Amino acid sequence: MAAQAQLESLAFLYLAFGHSTDGNLAPEEMRELAGKLREWAPERELGDIGELLKGAVLAYKGVGDKLGKARQLTAELRSQLDGDQLAKVVADLEAIALADGFVTEEEQAFIDEARATLLG
């Protein structure tokens, strides 16, 4: 179970990754993203996850350097999560990228960068 601040960070990270890497957030990616957040907080109702995502969208729209903010949150999560949780973040990014059937070069580059940041 992740704390609220961690869930908010993950929601922003996953949203920024899903949209900013290729300029499109396919419906399949959004469903995968929501499912991954639900795995982090299985005790939360689906409506709570929806509200979390709405907040992430508002925050996302308000940030100029969206991928820069995602990188900052990735670095912060490194000090907040244990090794298994960090590996899950990387696996979640891979699943979100694959949800629409293909992984772009930009998505793969971000995943590689996140893996290096999170797993060293």
PDB file of N, CA and C in Angstrom:
ATOM      1  N   MET A   1       0.848  -1.183   0.000  1.00  0.00           N
ATOM      2  CA  MET A   1       0.000   0.000   0.000  1.00  0.00           C
ATOM      3  C   MET A   1       0.886   1.237   0.000  1.00  0.00           C
ATOM      4  N   ALA A   2       0.604   2.152  -0.872  1.00  0.00           N
ATOM      5  CA  ALA A   2       1.360   3.392  -0.959  1.00  0.00           C
ATOM      6  C   ALA A   2       0.617   4.501  -0.216  1.00  0.00           C
ATOM      7  N   ALA A   3       1.372   5.435   0.338  1.00  0.00           N
ATOM      8  CA  ALA A   3       0.794   6.600   0.996  1.00  0.00           C
ATOM      9  C   ALA A   3       0.189   7.525  -0.059  1.00  0.00           C
ATOM     10  N   GLN A   4      -0.683   8.429   0.375  1.00  0.00           N
ATOM     11  CA  GLN A   4      -1.365   9.341  -0.555  1.00  0.00           C
ATOM     12  C   GLN A   4      -0.374  10.140  -1.405  1.00  0.00           C
ATOM     13  N   ALA A   5       0.656  10.692  -0.783  1.00  0.00           N
ATOM     14  CA  ALA A   5       1.632  11.491  -1.544  1.00  0.00           C
ATOM     15  C   ALA A   5       2.341  10.634  -2.587  1.00  0.00           C
ATOM     16  N   GLN A   6       2.641   9.395  -2.243  1.00  0.00           N
ATOM     17  CA  GLN A   6       3.275   8.492  -3.208  1.00  0.00           C
ATOM     18  C   GLN A   6       2.325   8.162  -4.343  1.00  0.00           C
ATOM     19  N   LEU A   7       1.066   7.937  -4.018  1.00  0.00           N
ATOM     20  CA  LEU A   7       0.071   7.669  -5.066  1.00  0.00           C
ATOM     21  C   LEU A   7      -0.052   8.860  -6.016  1.00  0.00           C
ATOM     22  N   GLU A   8      -0.048  10.066  -5.461  1.00  0.00           N
ATOM     23  CA  GLU A   8      -0.133  11.258  -6.296  1.00  0.00           C
ATOM     24  C   GLU A   8       1.095  11.363  -7.200  1.00  0.00           C
ATOM     25  N   SER A   9       2.268  11.061  -6.647  1.00  0.00           N
ATOM     26  CA  SER A   9       3.496  11.084  -7.447  1.00  0.00           C
ATOM     27  C   SER A   9       3.436  10.043  -8.556  1.00  0.00           C
ATOM     28  N   LEU A  10       2.994   8.834  -8.216  1.00  0.00           N
ATOM     29  CA  LEU A  10       2.888   7.775  -9.223  1.00  0.00           C
ATOM     30  C   LEU A  10       1.879   8.143 -10.306  1.00  0.00           C
ATOM     31  N   ALA A  11       0.742   8.711  -9.898  1.00  0.00           N
ATOM     32  CA  ALA A  11      -0.277   9.096 -10.874  1.00  0.00           C
ATOM     33  C   ALA A  11       0.286  10.119 -11.854  1.00  0.00           C
ATOM     34  N   PHE A  12       0.997  11.127 -11.341  1.00  0.00           N
ATOM     35  CA  PHE A  12       1.585  12.133 -12.229  1.00  0.00           C
ATOM     36  C   PHE A  12       2.633  11.491 -13.125  1.00  0.00           C
ATOM     37  N   LEU A  13       3.506  10.702 -12.523  1.00  0.00           N
ATOM     38  CA  LEU A  13       4.576  10.042 -13.285  1.00  0.00           C
ATOM     39  C   LEU A  13       3.994   9.202 -14.414  1.00  0.00           C
ATOM     40  N   TYR A  14       3.024   8.366 -14.111  1.00  0.00           N
ATOM     41  CA  TYR A  14       2.447   7.477 -15.114  1.00  0.00           C
ATOM     42  C   TYR A  14       1.722   8.268 -16.199  1.00  0.00           C
ATOM     43  N   LEU A  15       1.008   9.316 -15.783  1.00  0.00           N
ATOM     44  CA  LEU A  15       0.292  10.149 -16.756  1.00  0.00           C
ATOM     45  C   LEU A  15       1.273  10.896 -17.657  1.00  0.00           C
ATOM     46  N   ALA A  16       2.282  11.515 -17.057  1.00  0.00           N
ATOM     47  CA  ALA A  16       3.277  12.253 -17.846  1.00  0.00           C
ATOM     48  C   ALA A  16       3.994  11.305 -18.796  1.00  0.00           C
ATOM     49  N   PHE A  17       4.358  10.141 -18.291  1.00  0.00           N
ATOM     50  CA  PHE A  17       5.015   9.152 -19.142  1.00  0.00           C
ATOM     51  C   PHE A  17       4.106   8.752 -20.293  1.00  0.00           C
ATOM     52  N   GLY A  18       2.879   8.412 -19.986  1.00  0.00           N
ATOM     53  CA  GLY A  18       1.949   7.929 -20.999  1.00  0.00           C
ATOM     54  C   GLY A  18       1.640   8.956 -22.067  1.00  0.00           C
ATOM     55  N   HIS A  19       1.587  10.231 -21.687  1.00  0.00           N
ATOM     56  CA  HIS A  19       1.215  11.266 -22.647  1.00  0.00           C
ATOM     57  C   HIS A  19       2.416  11.975 -23.257  1.00  0.00           C
ATOM     58  N   SER A  20       3.359  12.398 -22.444  1.00  0.00           N
ATOM     59  CA  SER A  20       4.432  13.262 -22.937  1.00  0.00           C
ATOM     60  C   SER A  20       5.460  12.551 -23.808  1.00  0.00           C
ATOM     61  N   THR A  21       5.619  11.261 -23.638  1.00  0.00           N
ATOM     62  CA  THR A  21       6.634  10.569 -24.433  1.00  0.00           C
ATOM     63  C   THR A  21       6.252  10.472 -25.905  1.00  0.00           C
ATOM     64  N   ASP A  22       4.953  10.378 -26.197  1.00  0.00           N
ATOM     65  CA  ASP A  22       4.557  10.297 -27.612  1.00  0.00           C
ATOM     66  C   ASP A  22       3.420  11.252 -27.985  1.00  0.00           C
ATOM     67  N   GLY A  23       3.020  12.111 -27.056  1.00  0.00           N
ATOM     68  CA  GLY A  23       1.994  13.099 -27.341  1.00  0.00           C
ATOM     69  C   GLY A  23       0.586  12.554 -27.404  1.00  0.00           C
ATOM     70  N   ASN A  24       0.412  11.301 -27.004  1.00  0.00           N
ATOM     71  CA  ASN A  24      -0.895  10.662 -27.083  1.00  0.00           C
ATOM     72  C   ASN A  24      -1.058   9.711 -25.905  1.00  0.00           C
ATOM     73  N   LEU A  25      -2.224   9.724 -25.293  1.00  0.00           N
ATOM     74  CA  LEU A  25      -2.542   8.758 -24.252  1.00  0.00           C
ATOM     75  C   LEU A  25      -3.723   7.939 -24.750  1.00  0.00           C
ATOM     76  N   ALA A  26      -3.406   6.770 -25.299  1.00  0.00           N
ATOM     77  CA  ALA A  26      -4.438   5.898 -25.860  1.00  0.00           C
ATOM     78  C   ALA A  26      -5.352   5.403 -24.744  1.00  0.00           C
ATOM     79  N   PRO A  27      -6.613   5.116 -25.067  1.00  0.00           N
ATOM     80  CA  PRO A  27      -7.529   4.593 -24.045  1.00  0.00           C
ATOM     81  C   PRO A  27      -6.977   3.349 -23.344  1.00  0.00           C
ATOM     82  N   GLU A  28      -6.286   2.499 -24.098  1.00  0.00           N
ATOM     83  CA  GLU A  28      -5.708   1.283 -23.504  1.00  0.00           C
ATOM     84  C   GLU A  28      -4.636   1.642 -22.476  1.00  0.00           C
ATOM     85  N   GLU A  29      -3.870   2.689 -22.780  1.00  0.00           N
ATOM     86  CA  GLU A  29      -2.836   3.138 -21.838  1.00  0.00           C
ATOM     87  C   GLU A  29      -3.484   3.707 -20.576  1.00  0.00           C
ATOM     88  N   MET A  30      -4.565   4.468 -20.742  1.00  0.00           N
ATOM     89  CA  MET A  30      -5.241   5.049 -19.585  1.00  0.00           C
ATOM     90  C   MET A  30      -5.823   3.960 -18.701  1.00  0.00           C
ATOM     91  N   ARG A  31      -6.411   2.931 -19.298  1.00  0.00           N
ATOM     92  CA  ARG A  31      -6.951   1.822 -18.506  1.00  0.00           C
ATOM     93  C   ARG A  31      -5.832   1.107 -17.761  1.00  0.00           C
ATOM     94  N   GLU A  32      -4.720   0.873 -18.443  1.00  0.00           N
ATOM     95  CA  GLU A  32      -3.575   0.216 -17.816  1.00  0.00           C
ATOM     96  C   GLU A  32      -3.033   1.066 -16.670  1.00  0.00           C
ATOM     97  N   LEU A  33      -2.919   2.352 -16.917  1.00  0.00           N
ATOM     98  CA  LEU A  33      -2.434   3.288 -15.912  1.00  0.00           C
ATOM     99  C   LEU A  33      -3.327   3.238 -14.663  1.00  0.00           C
ATOM    100  N   ALA A  34      -4.632   3.299 -14.848  1.00  0.00           N
ATOM    101  CA  ALA A  34      -5.562   3.250 -13.716  1.00  0.00           C
ATOM    102  C   ALA A  34      -5.445   1.914 -12.987  1.00  0.00           C
ATOM    103  N   GLY A  35      -5.313   0.840 -13.738  1.00  0.00           N
ATOM    104  CA  GLY A  35      -5.164  -0.481 -13.124  1.00  0.00           C
ATOM    105  C   GLY A  35      -3.896  -0.586 -12.301  1.00  0.00           C
ATOM    106  N   LYS A  36      -2.810  -0.002 -12.801  1.00  0.00           N
ATOM    107  CA  LYS A  36      -1.547  -0.035 -12.065  1.00  0.00           C
ATOM    108  C   LYS A  36      -1.650   0.775 -10.779  1.00  0.00           C
ATOM    109  N   LEU A  37      -2.318   1.915 -10.828  1.00  0.00           N
ATOM    110  CA  LEU A  37      -2.512   2.695  -9.605  1.00  0.00           C
ATOM    111  C   LEU A  37      -3.360   1.924  -8.596  1.00  0.00           C
ATOM    112  N   ARG A  38      -4.347   1.218  -9.097  1.00  0.00           N
ATOM    113  CA  ARG A  38      -5.210   0.422  -8.202  1.00  0.00           C
ATOM    114  C   ARG A  38      -4.406  -0.673  -7.507  1.00  0.00           C
ATOM    115  N   GLU A  39      -3.409  -1.227  -8.198  1.00  0.00           N
ATOM    116  CA  GLU A  39      -2.544  -2.238  -7.577  1.00  0.00           C
ATOM    117  C   GLU A  39      -1.756  -1.650  -6.411  1.00  0.00           C
ATOM    118  N   TRP A  40      -1.422  -0.374  -6.499  1.00  0.00           N
ATOM    119  CA  TRP A  40      -0.681   0.293  -5.420  1.00  0.00           C
ATOM    120  C   TRP A  40      -1.581   0.563  -4.219  1.00  0.00           C
ATOM    121  N   ALA A  41      -2.874   0.627  -4.432  1.00  0.00           N
ATOM    122  CA  ALA A  41      -3.823   0.941  -3.352  1.00  0.00           C
ATOM    123  C   ALA A  41      -5.079   0.099  -3.508  1.00  0.00           C
ATOM    124  N   PRO A  42      -4.950  -1.219  -3.316  1.00  0.00           N
ATOM    125  CA  PRO A  42      -6.098  -2.105  -3.554  1.00  0.00           C
ATOM    126  C   PRO A  42      -7.283  -1.834  -2.627  1.00  0.00           C
ATOM    127  N   GLU A  43      -7.029  -1.170  -1.512  1.00  0.00           N
ATOM    128  CA  GLU A  43      -8.113  -0.872  -0.575  1.00  0.00           C
ATOM    129  C   GLU A  43      -8.957   0.316  -1.029  1.00  0.00           C
ATOM    130  N   ARG A  44      -8.479   1.041  -2.015  1.00  0.00           N
ATOM    131  CA  ARG A  44      -9.196   2.214  -2.511  1.00  0.00           C
ATOM    132  C   ARG A  44     -10.308   1.812  -3.464  1.00  0.00           C
ATOM    133  N   GLU A  45     -11.375   2.569  -3.399  1.00  0.00           N
ATOM    134  CA  GLU A  45     -12.480   2.367  -4.337  1.00  0.00           C
ATOM    135  C   GLU A  45     -12.066   2.876  -5.716  1.00  0.00           C
ATOM    136  N   LEU A  46     -12.698   2.342  -6.734  1.00  0.00           N
ATOM    137  CA  LEU A  46     -12.399   2.773  -8.104  1.00  0.00           C
ATOM    138  C   LEU A  46     -12.620   4.275  -8.268  1.00  0.00           C
ATOM    139  N   GLY A  47     -13.651   4.799  -7.630  1.00  0.00           N
ATOM    140  CA  GLY A  47     -13.916   6.240  -7.691  1.00  0.00           C
ATOM    141  C   GLY A  47     -12.779   7.053  -7.107  1.00  0.00           C
ATOM    142  N   ASP A  48     -12.137   6.540  -6.055  1.00  0.00           N
ATOM    143  CA  ASP A  48     -10.986   7.230  -5.458  1.00  0.00           C
ATOM    144  C   ASP A  48      -9.820   7.288  -6.443  1.00  0.00           C
ATOM    145  N   ILE A  49      -9.635   6.196  -7.181  1.00  0.00           N
ATOM    146  CA  ILE A  49      -8.568   6.171  -8.189  1.00  0.00           C
ATOM    147  C   ILE A  49      -8.895   7.181  -9.290  1.00  0.00           C
ATOM    148  N   GLY A  50     -10.158   7.269  -9.670  1.00  0.00           N
ATOM    149  CA  GLY A  50     -10.587   8.254 -10.659  1.00  0.00           C
ATOM    150  C   GLY A  50     -10.299   9.677 -10.193  1.00  0.00           C
ATOM    151  N   GLU A  51     -10.572   9.962  -8.929  1.00  0.00           N
ATOM    152  CA  GLU A  51     -10.291  11.284  -8.374  1.00  0.00           C
ATOM    153  C   GLU A  51      -8.792  11.559  -8.338  1.00  0.00           C
ATOM    154  N   LEU A  52      -8.020  10.538  -8.004  1.00  0.00           N
ATOM    155  CA  LEU A  52      -6.568  10.655  -8.008  1.00  0.00           C
ATOM    156  C   LEU A  52      -6.073  11.027  -9.407  1.00  0.00           C
ATOM    157  N   LEU A  53      -6.627  10.373 -10.407  1.00  0.00           N
ATOM    158  CA  LEU A  53      -6.243  10.659 -11.795  1.00  0.00           C
ATOM    159  C   LEU A  53      -6.688  12.059 -12.222  1.00  0.00           C
ATOM    160  N   LYS A  54      -7.865  12.486 -11.786  1.00  0.00           N
ATOM    161  CA  LYS A  54      -8.311  13.845 -12.117  1.00  0.00           C
ATOM    162  C   LYS A  54      -7.345  14.866 -11.541  1.00  0.00           C
ATOM    163  N   GLY A  55      -6.905  14.635 -10.308  1.00  0.00           N
ATOM    164  CA  GLY A  55      -5.936  15.532  -9.692  1.00  0.00           C
ATOM    165  C   GLY A  55      -4.617  15.531 -10.441  1.00  0.00           C
ATOM    166  N   ALA A  56      -4.203  14.360 -10.909  1.00  0.00           N
ATOM    167  CA  ALA A  56      -2.958  14.252 -11.663  1.00  0.00           C
ATOM    168  C   ALA A  56      -3.075  15.007 -12.987  1.00  0.00           C
ATOM    169  N   VAL A  57      -4.222  14.922 -13.635  1.00  0.00           N
ATOM    170  CA  VAL A  57      -4.437  15.637 -14.895  1.00  0.00           C
ATOM    171  C   VAL A  57      -4.352  17.147 -14.667  1.00  0.00           C
ATOM    172  N   LEU A  58      -4.975  17.634 -13.593  1.00  0.00           N
ATOM    173  CA  LEU A  58      -4.909  19.071 -13.288  1.00  0.00           C
ATOM    174  C   LEU A  58      -3.469  19.502 -13.020  1.00  0.00           C
ATOM    175  N   ALA A  59      -2.748  18.715 -12.241  1.00  0.00           N
ATOM    176  CA  ALA A  59      -1.355  19.031 -11.948  1.00  0.00           C
ATOM    177  C   ALA A  59      -0.533  18.998 -13.235  1.00  0.00           C
ATOM    178  N   TYR A  60      -0.775  18.004 -14.050  1.00  0.00           N
ATOM    179  CA  TYR A  60      -0.055  17.833 -15.318  1.00  0.00           C
ATOM    180  C   TYR A  60      -0.254  19.048 -16.221  1.00  0.00           C
ATOM    181  N   LYS A  61      -1.485  19.502 -16.319  1.00  0.00           N
ATOM    182  CA  LYS A  61      -1.789  20.657 -17.177  1.00  0.00           C
ATOM    183  C   LYS A  61      -1.104  21.922 -16.672  1.00  0.00           C
ATOM    184  N   GLY A  62      -0.830  21.984 -15.361  1.00  0.00           N
ATOM    185  CA  GLY A  62      -0.244  23.174 -14.772  1.00  0.00           C
ATOM    186  C   GLY A  62       1.270  23.216 -14.774  1.00  0.00           C
ATOM    187  N   VAL A  63       1.909  22.174 -15.271  1.00  0.00           N
ATOM    188  CA  VAL A  63       3.371  22.101 -15.250  1.00  0.00           C
ATOM    189  C   VAL A  63       3.905  22.343 -16.658  1.00  0.00           C
ATOM    190  N   GLY A  64       4.913  23.209 -16.757  1.00  0.00           N
ATOM    191  CA  GLY A  64       5.505  23.485 -18.063  1.00  0.00           C
ATOM    192  C   GLY A  64       6.335  22.321 -18.572  1.00  0.00           C
ATOM    193  N   ASP A  65       7.321  21.907 -17.794  1.00  0.00           N
ATOM    194  CA  ASP A  65       8.216  20.813 -18.179  1.00  0.00           C
ATOM    195  C   ASP A  65       7.693  19.514 -17.570  1.00  0.00           C
ATOM    196  N   LYS A  66       6.774  18.901 -18.278  1.00  0.00           N
ATOM    197  CA  LYS A  66       6.077  17.734 -17.753  1.00  0.00           C
ATOM    198  C   LYS A  66       7.025  16.552 -17.512  1.00  0.00           C
ATOM    199  N   LEU A  67       7.888  16.259 -18.470  1.00  0.00           N
ATOM    200  CA  LEU A  67       8.824  15.145 -18.286  1.00  0.00           C
ATOM    201  C   LEU A  67       9.881  15.490 -17.240  1.00  0.00           C
ATOM    202  N   GLY A  68      10.235  16.768 -17.137  1.00  0.00           N
ATOM    203  CA  GLY A  68      11.159  17.186 -16.086  1.00  0.00           C
ATOM    204  C   GLY A  68      10.568  16.930 -14.712  1.00  0.00           C
ATOM    205  N   LYS A  69       9.288  17.256 -14.545  1.00  0.00           N
ATOM    206  CA  LYS A  69       8.596  16.995 -13.280  1.00  0.00           C
ATOM    207  C   LYS A  69       8.510  15.491 -13.038  1.00  0.00           C
ATOM    208  N   ALA A  70       8.252  14.717 -14.075  1.00  0.00           N
ATOM    209  CA  ALA A  70       8.190  13.255 -13.927  1.00  0.00           C
ATOM    210  C   ALA A  70       9.547  12.717 -13.487  1.00  0.00           C
ATOM    211  N   ARG A  71      10.618  13.256 -14.036  1.00  0.00           N
ATOM    212  CA  ARG A  71      11.972  12.831 -13.633  1.00  0.00           C
ATOM    213  C   ARG A  71      12.234  13.177 -12.167  1.00  0.00           C
ATOM    214  N   GLN A  72      11.801  14.364 -11.761  1.00  0.00           N
ATOM    215  CA  GLN A  72      11.972  14.784 -10.365  1.00  0.00           C
ATOM    216  C   GLN A  72      11.220  13.825  -9.428  1.00  0.00           C
ATOM    217  N   LEU A  73       9.999  13.502  -9.776  1.00  0.00           N
ATOM    218  CA  LEU A  73       9.204  12.580  -8.948  1.00  0.00           C
ATOM    219  C   LEU A  73       9.829  11.195  -8.916  1.00  0.00           C
ATOM    220  N   THR A  74      10.388  10.766 -10.038  1.00  0.00           N
ATOM    221  CA  THR A  74      11.060   9.468 -10.090  1.00  0.00           C
ATOM    222  C   THR A  74      12.214   9.446  -9.091  1.00  0.00           C
ATOM    223  N   ALA A  75      13.004  10.511  -9.071  1.00  0.00           N
ATOM    224  CA  ALA A  75      14.131  10.591  -8.140  1.00  0.00           C
ATOM    225  C   ALA A  75      13.646  10.599  -6.691  1.00  0.00           C
ATOM    226  N   GLU A  76      12.544  11.299  -6.432  1.00  0.00           N
ATOM    227  CA  GLU A  76      11.994  11.335  -5.073  1.00  0.00           C
ATOM    228  C   GLU A  76      11.496   9.957  -4.646  1.00  0.00           C
ATOM    229  N   LEU A  77      10.854   9.250  -5.558  1.00  0.00           N
ATOM    230  CA  LEU A  77      10.349   7.912  -5.230  1.00  0.00           C
ATOM    231  C   LEU A  77      11.488   6.960  -4.886  1.00  0.00           C
ATOM    232  N   ARG A  78      12.644   7.185  -5.477  1.00  0.00           N
ATOM    233  CA  ARG A  78      13.814   6.335  -5.214  1.00  0.00           C
ATOM    234  C   ARG A  78      14.111   6.254  -3.722  1.00  0.00           C
ATOM    235  N   SER A  79      13.936   7.369  -3.012  1.00  0.00           N
ATOM    236  CA  SER A  79      14.234   7.397  -1.579  1.00  0.00           C
ATOM    237  C   SER A  79      13.035   7.005  -0.709  1.00  0.00           C
ATOM    238  N   GLN A  80      11.868   6.832  -1.323  1.00  0.00           N
ATOM    239  CA  GLN A  80      10.654   6.554  -0.551  1.00  0.00           C
ATOM    240  C   GLN A  80      10.189   5.099  -0.614  1.00  0.00           C
ATOM    241  N   LEU A  81      10.625   4.382  -1.640  1.00  0.00           N
ATOM    242  CA  LEU A  81      10.125   3.024  -1.870  1.00  0.00           C
ATOM    243  C   LEU A  81      11.242   2.011  -1.696  1.00  0.00           C
ATOM    244  N   ASP A  82      10.853   0.765  -1.410  1.00  0.00           N
ATOM    245  CA  ASP A  82      11.861  -0.290  -1.284  1.00  0.00           C
ATOM    246  C   ASP A  82      12.176  -0.875  -2.668  1.00  0.00           C
ATOM    247  N   GLY A  83      13.143  -1.786  -2.711  1.00  0.00           N
ATOM    248  CA  GLY A  83      13.602  -2.344  -3.977  1.00  0.00           C
ATOM    249  C   GLY A  83      12.517  -2.995  -4.805  1.00  0.00           C
ATOM    250  N   ASP A  84      11.650  -3.771  -4.155  1.00  0.00           N
ATOM    251  CA  ASP A  84      10.555  -4.418  -4.890  1.00  0.00           C
ATOM    252  C   ASP A  84       9.589  -3.390  -5.458  1.00  0.00           C
ATOM    253  N   GLN A  85       9.308  -2.356  -4.689  1.00  0.00           N
ATOM    254  CA  GLN A  85       8.398  -1.308  -5.156  1.00  0.00           C
ATOM    255  C   GLN A  85       9.021  -0.529  -6.316  1.00  0.00           C
ATOM    256  N   LEU A  86      10.316  -0.275  -6.231  1.00  0.00           N
ATOM    257  CA  LEU A  86      10.990   0.426  -7.324  1.00  0.00           C
ATOM    258  C   LEU A  86      10.953  -0.395  -8.606  1.00  0.00           C
ATOM    259  N   ALA A  87      11.161  -1.691  -8.483  1.00  0.00           N
ATOM    260  CA  ALA A  87      11.077  -2.579  -9.648  1.00  0.00           C
ATOM    261  C   ALA A  87       9.656  -2.577 -10.208  1.00  0.00           C
ATOM    262  N   LYS A  88       8.648  -2.472  -9.335  1.00  0.00           N
ATOM    263  CA  LYS A  88       7.255  -2.425  -9.783  1.00  0.00           C
ATOM    264  C   LYS A  88       6.990  -1.148 -10.583  1.00  0.00           C
ATOM    265  N   VAL A  89       7.560  -0.029 -10.170  1.00  0.00           N
ATOM    266  CA  VAL A  89       7.376   1.214 -10.920  1.00  0.00           C
ATOM    267  C   VAL A  89       7.881   1.030 -12.351  1.00  0.00           C
ATOM    268  N   VAL A  90       9.068   0.440 -12.498  1.00  0.00           N
ATOM    269  CA  VAL A  90       9.625   0.212 -13.838  1.00  0.00           C
ATOM    270  C   VAL A  90       8.725  -0.745 -14.627  1.00  0.00           C
ATOM    271  N   ALA A  91       8.280  -1.817 -13.991  1.00  0.00           N
ATOM    272  CA  ALA A  91       7.396  -2.774 -14.661  1.00  0.00           C
ATOM    273  C   ALA A  91       6.076  -2.110 -15.059  1.00  0.00           C
ATOM    274  N   ASP A  92       5.561  -1.223 -14.204  1.00  0.00           N
ATOM    275  CA  ASP A  92       4.329  -0.503 -14.527  1.00  0.00           C
ATOM    276  C   ASP A  92       4.523   0.378 -15.762  1.00  0.00           C
ATOM    277  N   LEU A  93       5.645   1.076 -15.830  1.00  0.00           N
ATOM    278  CA  LEU A  93       5.923   1.908 -17.003  1.00  0.00           C
ATOM    279  C   LEU A  93       5.971   1.059 -18.268  1.00  0.00           C
ATOM    280  N   GLU A  94       6.604  -0.096 -18.175  1.00  0.00           N
ATOM    281  CA  GLU A  94       6.671  -0.997 -19.335  1.00  0.00           C
ATOM    282  C   GLU A  94       5.273  -1.454 -19.744  1.00  0.00           C
ATOM    283  N   ALA A  95       4.433  -1.777 -18.771  1.00  0.00           N
ATOM    284  CA  ALA A  95       3.072  -2.234 -19.077  1.00  0.00           C
ATOM    285  C   ALA A  95       2.237  -1.115 -19.697  1.00  0.00           C
ATOM    286  N   ILE A  96       2.384   0.096 -19.178  1.00  0.00           N
ATOM    287  CA  ILE A  96       1.648   1.229 -19.739  1.00  0.00           C
ATOM    288  C   ILE A  96       2.089   1.472 -21.182  1.00  0.00           C
ATOM    289  N   ALA A  97       3.397   1.417 -21.421  1.00  0.00           N
ATOM    290  CA  ALA A  97       3.913   1.623 -22.778  1.00  0.00           C
ATOM    291  C   ALA A  97       3.389   0.566 -23.746  1.00  0.00           C
ATOM    292  N   LEU A  98       3.297  -0.666 -23.289  1.00  0.00           N
ATOM    293  CA  LEU A  98       2.854  -1.772 -24.151  1.00  0.00           C
ATOM    294  C   LEU A  98       1.342  -1.839 -24.344  1.00  0.00           C
ATOM    295  N   ALA A  99       0.604  -1.113 -23.527  1.00  0.00           N
ATOM    296  CA  ALA A  99      -0.855  -1.242 -23.532  1.00  0.00           C
ATOM    297  C   ALA A  99      -1.483  -0.950 -24.883  1.00  0.00           C
ATOM    298  N   ASP A 100      -0.887  -0.051 -25.658  1.00  0.00           N
ATOM    299  CA  ASP A 100      -1.470   0.281 -26.965  1.00  0.00           C
ATOM    300  C   ASP A 100      -0.879  -0.557 -28.093  1.00  0.00           C
ATOM    301  N   GLY A 101      -0.071  -1.547 -27.736  1.00  0.00           N
ATOM    302  CA  GLY A 101       0.414  -2.487 -28.734  1.00  0.00           C
ATOM    303  C   GLY A 101       1.823  -2.247 -29.233  1.00  0.00           C
ATOM    304  N   PHE A 102       2.403  -1.105 -28.899  1.00  0.00           N
ATOM    305  CA  PHE A 102       3.775  -0.847 -29.330  1.00  0.00           C
ATOM    306  C   PHE A 102       4.440   0.140 -28.377  1.00  0.00           C
ATOM    307  N   VAL A 103       5.757   0.107 -28.352  1.00  0.00           N
ATOM    308  CA  VAL A 103       6.555   0.992 -27.500  1.00  0.00           C
ATOM    309  C   VAL A 103       7.365   1.909 -28.408  1.00  0.00           C
ATOM    310  N   THR A 104       7.170   3.210 -28.246  1.00  0.00           N
ATOM    311  CA  THR A 104       7.920   4.159 -29.066  1.00  0.00           C
ATOM    312  C   THR A 104       9.349   4.290 -28.533  1.00  0.00           C
ATOM    313  N   GLU A 105      10.211   4.856 -29.361  1.00  0.00           N
ATOM    314  CA  GLU A 105      11.592   5.094 -28.928  1.00  0.00           C
ATOM    315  C   GLU A 105      11.626   6.005 -27.709  1.00  0.00           C
ATOM    316  N   GLU A 106      10.754   7.016 -27.689  1.00  0.00           N
ATOM    317  CA  GLU A 106      10.706   7.951 -26.568  1.00  0.00           C
ATOM    318  C   GLU A 106      10.258   7.246 -25.291  1.00  0.00           C
ATOM    319  N   GLU A 107       9.264   6.367 -25.418  1.00  0.00           N
ATOM    320  CA  GLU A 107       8.824   5.606 -24.245  1.00  0.00           C
ATOM    321  C   GLU A 107       9.956   4.723 -23.722  1.00  0.00           C
ATOM    322  N   GLN A 108      10.635   4.036 -24.628  1.00  0.00           N
ATOM    323  CA  GLN A 108      11.720   3.153 -24.203  1.00  0.00           C
ATOM    324  C   GLN A 108      12.847   3.948 -23.552  1.00  0.00           C
ATOM    325  N   ALA A 109      13.159   5.110 -24.102  1.00  0.00           N
ATOM    326  CA  ALA A 109      14.216   5.946 -23.525  1.00  0.00           C
ATOM    327  C   ALA A 109      13.844   6.378 -22.106  1.00  0.00           C
ATOM    328  N   PHE A 110      12.574   6.748 -21.896  1.00  0.00           N
ATOM    329  CA  PHE A 110      12.152   7.155 -20.554  1.00  0.00           C
ATOM    330  C   PHE A 110      12.201   5.968 -19.599  1.00  0.00           C
ATOM    331  N   ILE A 111      11.759   4.807 -20.052  1.00  0.00           N
ATOM    332  CA  ILE A 111      11.800   3.602 -19.210  1.00  0.00           C
ATOM    333  C   ILE A 111      13.254   3.304 -18.819  1.00  0.00           C
ATOM    334  N   ASP A 112      14.145   3.372 -19.776  1.00  0.00           N
ATOM    335  CA  ASP A 112      15.570   3.097 -19.495  1.00  0.00           C
ATOM    336  C   ASP A 112      16.122   4.089 -18.485  1.00  0.00           C
ATOM    337  N   GLU A 113      15.762   5.358 -18.644  1.00  0.00           N
ATOM    338  CA  GLU A 113      16.216   6.391 -17.723  1.00  0.00           C
ATOM    339  C   GLU A 113      15.636   6.148 -16.315  1.00  0.00           C
ATOM    340  N   ALA A 114      14.339   5.810 -16.254  1.00  0.00           N
ATOM    341  CA  ALA A 114      13.702   5.544 -14.963  1.00  0.00           C
ATOM    342  C   ALA A 114      14.343   4.313 -14.302  1.00  0.00           C
ATOM    343  N   ARG A 115      14.630   3.289 -15.091  1.00  0.00           N
ATOM    344  CA  ARG A 115      15.270   2.080 -14.549  1.00  0.00           C
ATOM    345  C   ARG A 115      16.619   2.448 -13.936  1.00  0.00           C
ATOM    346  N   ALA A 116      17.411   3.263 -14.637  1.00  0.00           N
ATOM    347  CA  ALA A 116      18.724   3.670 -14.123  1.00  0.00           C
ATOM    348  C   ALA A 116      18.572   4.488 -12.834  1.00  0.00           C
ATOM    349  N   THR A 117      17.592   5.385 -12.798  1.00  0.00           N
ATOM    350  CA  THR A 117      17.359   6.211 -11.614  1.00  0.00           C
ATOM    351  C   THR A 117      16.884   5.369 -10.432  1.00  0.00           C
ATOM    352  N   LEU A 118      15.934   4.490 -10.695  1.00  0.00           N
ATOM    353  CA  LEU A 118      15.290   3.738  -9.610  1.00  0.00           C
ATOM    354  C   LEU A 118      16.071   2.529  -9.151  1.00  0.00           C
ATOM    355  N   LEU A 119      16.691   1.846 -10.094  1.00  0.00           N
ATOM    356  CA  LEU A 119      17.332   0.563  -9.757  1.00  0.00           C
ATOM    357  C   LEU A 119      18.853   0.636  -9.808  1.00  0.00           C
ATOM    358  N   GLY A 120      19.350   1.792 -10.244  1.00  0.00           N
ATOM    359  CA  GLY A 120      20.795   2.000 -10.282  1.00  0.00           C
ATOM    360  C   GLY A 120      21.476   1.116 -11.263  1.00  0.00           C
TER     361      GLY A 120
END
